[in-house]
Amino acid sequence: MSEAAIAISFSLNGSPVSINVGASDRLLDTLRYALGLTGTKEGCGEGECGACTVWLDGVPVNSCLVPAYQARGMRVDTVESVEPATLEPLLVHGASQCGACTPGVVMTACWIAAHREVLASHSLREVMAGNLCRCTGYDGIIEGVQAMIGGEPRSR
């Protein structure tokens, strides 16, 4: 028996989208395969690595855990919405190597830049803890995010 289609509309990177999704479709798969936005990556598929981080109404979420129908009426922002110049501090500090975690790191870093007040009660490493990286050793990521938000990165 096939799944019934659910019609949803939402804002995607500032543009309206209407699409039919299945009840078990994940937001990650809808973005990548139905809508062609392949910047968001699947890492673990279990919400542990953060590679698939997108913003849902301005809040970072693991899109591998979000049913696509949950985006109905909401704003979804993906890594494709990020201005390339925003990425320069991350790249300069070596925050990206293989690229698997990069979209999630970028989305979390941009959220921190827009919500710096979170750093009053949490360290940058705590806020970035939901983004796992097997390549960089994290120093480059932390330094890049510090530079991105106007903080002083420590020297290597």
Protein backbone atom coordinates (compact mmCIF):
# COMPACT_ATOMS: atom_id res chain seq x y z
CA MET A 1 0.00 0.00 0.00
CA SER A 2 1.44 3.38 -0.93
CA GLU A 3 1.56 6.34 1.38
CA ALA A 4 -0.92 9.17 0.91
CA ALA A 5 0.61 12.42 -0.25
CA ILE A 6 0.47 15.42 2.05
CA ALA A 7 0.42 18.84 0.39
CA ILE A 8 2.58 21.36 2.20
CA SER A 9 3.69 24.92 1.55
CA PHE A 10 6.55 26.69 3.24
CA SER A 11 9.24 29.30 2.67
CA LEU A 12 12.55 27.88 1.48
CA ASN A 13 15.49 30.25 1.61
CA GLY A 14 13.02 33.12 1.27
CA SER A 15 10.99 31.71 -1.62
CA PRO A 16 7.58 30.03 -1.41
CA VAL A 17 7.48 26.28 -2.05
CA SER A 18 4.52 23.92 -2.44
CA ILE A 19 5.18 20.19 -2.60
CA ASN A 20 3.57 16.84 -1.87
CA VAL A 21 5.39 14.71 0.70
CA GLY A 22 4.77 11.32 2.24
CA ALA A 23 4.01 10.95 5.94
CA SER A 24 7.38 9.28 6.52
CA ASP A 25 9.47 11.60 4.31
CA ARG A 26 12.27 13.37 6.12
CA LEU A 27 12.92 17.08 5.59
CA LEU A 28 16.50 16.19 4.63
CA ASP A 29 15.39 13.95 1.76
CA THR A 30 12.75 16.42 0.59
CA LEU A 31 15.35 19.20 0.43
CA ARG A 32 17.96 17.07 -1.33
CA TYR A 33 15.99 14.83 -3.66
CA ALA A 34 12.63 16.48 -4.26
CA LEU A 35 13.84 20.10 -4.27
CA GLY A 36 17.42 19.61 -5.52
CA LEU A 37 19.17 21.48 -2.69
CA THR A 38 22.09 19.12 -2.13
CA GLY A 39 24.10 21.40 0.15
CA THR A 40 22.54 19.85 3.23
CA LYS A 41 24.37 16.58 3.84
CA GLU A 42 23.39 13.37 5.57
CA GLY A 43 26.01 12.18 8.01
CA CYS A 44 24.66 9.74 10.55
CA GLY A 45 20.91 9.84 9.86
CA GLU A 46 20.32 9.73 13.63
CA GLY A 47 20.61 13.38 14.70
CA GLU A 48 24.03 12.90 16.27
CA CYS A 49 26.45 14.57 13.84
CA GLY A 50 24.79 17.85 12.81
CA ALA A 51 25.81 17.60 9.13
CA CYS A 52 22.18 18.05 8.09
CA THR A 53 21.54 21.18 10.18
CA VAL A 54 19.05 23.64 8.69
CA TRP A 55 17.03 26.39 10.31
CA LEU A 56 13.34 25.77 10.90
CA ASP A 57 11.71 29.12 11.72
CA GLY A 58 15.15 30.40 12.73
CA VAL A 59 16.06 27.48 14.99
CA PRO A 60 18.82 25.02 14.03
CA VAL A 61 17.46 21.48 13.64
CA ASN A 62 18.78 18.18 12.38
CA SER A 63 16.77 17.77 9.19
CA CYS A 64 17.27 14.00 9.26
CA LEU A 65 14.97 13.88 12.30
CA VAL A 66 12.27 16.28 11.07
CA PRO A 67 9.29 14.89 9.16
CA ALA A 68 8.93 16.97 5.98
CA TYR A 69 5.27 17.73 6.73
CA GLN A 70 6.37 19.52 9.91
CA ALA A 71 7.76 22.34 7.73
CA ARG A 72 4.21 23.28 6.66
CA GLY A 73 3.78 27.03 7.04
CA MET A 74 7.31 27.50 8.34
CA ARG A 75 10.49 29.09 7.04
CA VAL A 76 13.29 26.68 6.15
CA ASP A 77 16.79 28.02 5.57
CA THR A 78 19.57 25.84 4.19
CA VAL A 79 23.27 26.35 3.57
CA GLU A 80 22.37 27.55 0.06
CA SER A 81 20.94 30.71 1.68
CA VAL A 82 24.30 31.73 3.17
CA GLU A 83 26.19 34.51 1.39
CA PRO A 84 29.58 33.18 0.22
CA ALA A 85 31.46 36.09 1.85
CA THR A 86 30.12 34.89 5.21
CA LEU A 87 32.20 31.74 4.82
CA GLU A 88 35.58 33.44 4.48
CA PRO A 89 36.53 33.41 8.19
CA LEU A 90 35.69 29.73 8.40
CA LEU A 91 37.80 28.92 5.35
CA VAL A 92 40.74 31.10 6.41
CA HIS A 93 40.96 29.25 9.71
CA GLY A 94 40.74 25.79 8.16
CA ALA A 95 37.25 24.98 9.40
CA SER A 96 36.55 22.79 6.37
CA GLN A 97 38.44 19.84 4.99
CA CYS A 98 36.44 16.96 3.52
CA GLY A 99 33.22 19.00 3.48
CA ALA A 100 30.85 16.41 4.98
CA CYS A 101 30.18 18.41 8.15
CA THR A 102 30.65 21.86 6.61
CA PRO A 103 26.99 22.69 5.82
CA GLY A 104 25.95 21.94 9.40
CA VAL A 105 28.92 23.85 10.83
CA VAL A 106 28.09 26.83 8.61
CA MET A 107 24.42 26.85 9.63
CA THR A 108 25.27 26.59 13.33
CA ALA A 109 27.96 29.28 13.02
CA CYS A 110 25.52 31.62 11.25
CA TRP A 111 22.95 30.99 13.98
CA ILE A 112 25.55 31.86 16.64
CA ALA A 113 26.43 35.05 14.73
CA ALA A 114 22.73 36.01 14.78
CA HIS A 115 22.28 34.99 18.45
CA ARG A 116 25.54 36.02 20.14
CA GLU A 117 23.73 36.35 23.45
CA VAL A 118 23.87 32.55 23.77
CA LEU A 119 27.62 32.91 24.38
CA ALA A 120 26.90 34.78 27.62
CA SER A 121 25.83 31.51 29.20
CA HIS A 122 27.49 28.86 27.00
CA SER A 123 30.97 28.47 25.58
CA LEU A 124 31.42 28.41 21.84
CA ARG A 125 32.56 24.78 22.08
CA GLU A 126 29.33 23.90 23.93
CA VAL A 127 27.14 25.53 21.29
CA MET A 128 29.10 23.87 18.47
CA ALA A 129 29.05 20.45 20.20
CA GLY A 130 26.18 19.22 18.04
CA ASN A 131 28.41 19.39 14.96
CA LEU A 132 30.81 16.49 14.73
CA CYS A 133 33.87 16.64 12.51
CA ARG A 134 36.32 13.85 11.84
CA CYS A 135 38.90 15.94 9.94
CA THR A 136 39.68 19.31 11.52
CA GLY A 137 40.25 18.58 15.19
CA TYR A 138 37.81 21.44 15.95
CA ASP A 139 40.41 24.16 16.56
CA GLY A 140 39.97 25.51 13.02
CA ILE A 141 36.20 25.43 13.38
CA ILE A 142 36.24 27.27 16.71
CA GLU A 143 38.77 29.84 15.44
CA GLY A 144 36.77 30.36 12.27
CA VAL A 145 33.52 30.88 14.16
CA GLN A 146 35.25 33.26 16.57
CA ALA A 147 36.54 35.28 13.62
CA MET A 148 33.12 35.14 11.97
CA ILE A 149 31.37 36.61 15.01
CA GLY A 150 34.07 39.21 15.59
CA GLY A 151 35.87 37.51 18.44
CA GLU A 152 39.59 37.11 18.64
CA PRO A 153 40.71 33.71 17.48
CA ARG A 154 43.60 32.34 19.46
CA SER A 155 46.83 31.81 17.52
CA ARG A 156 47.77 28.38 16.36
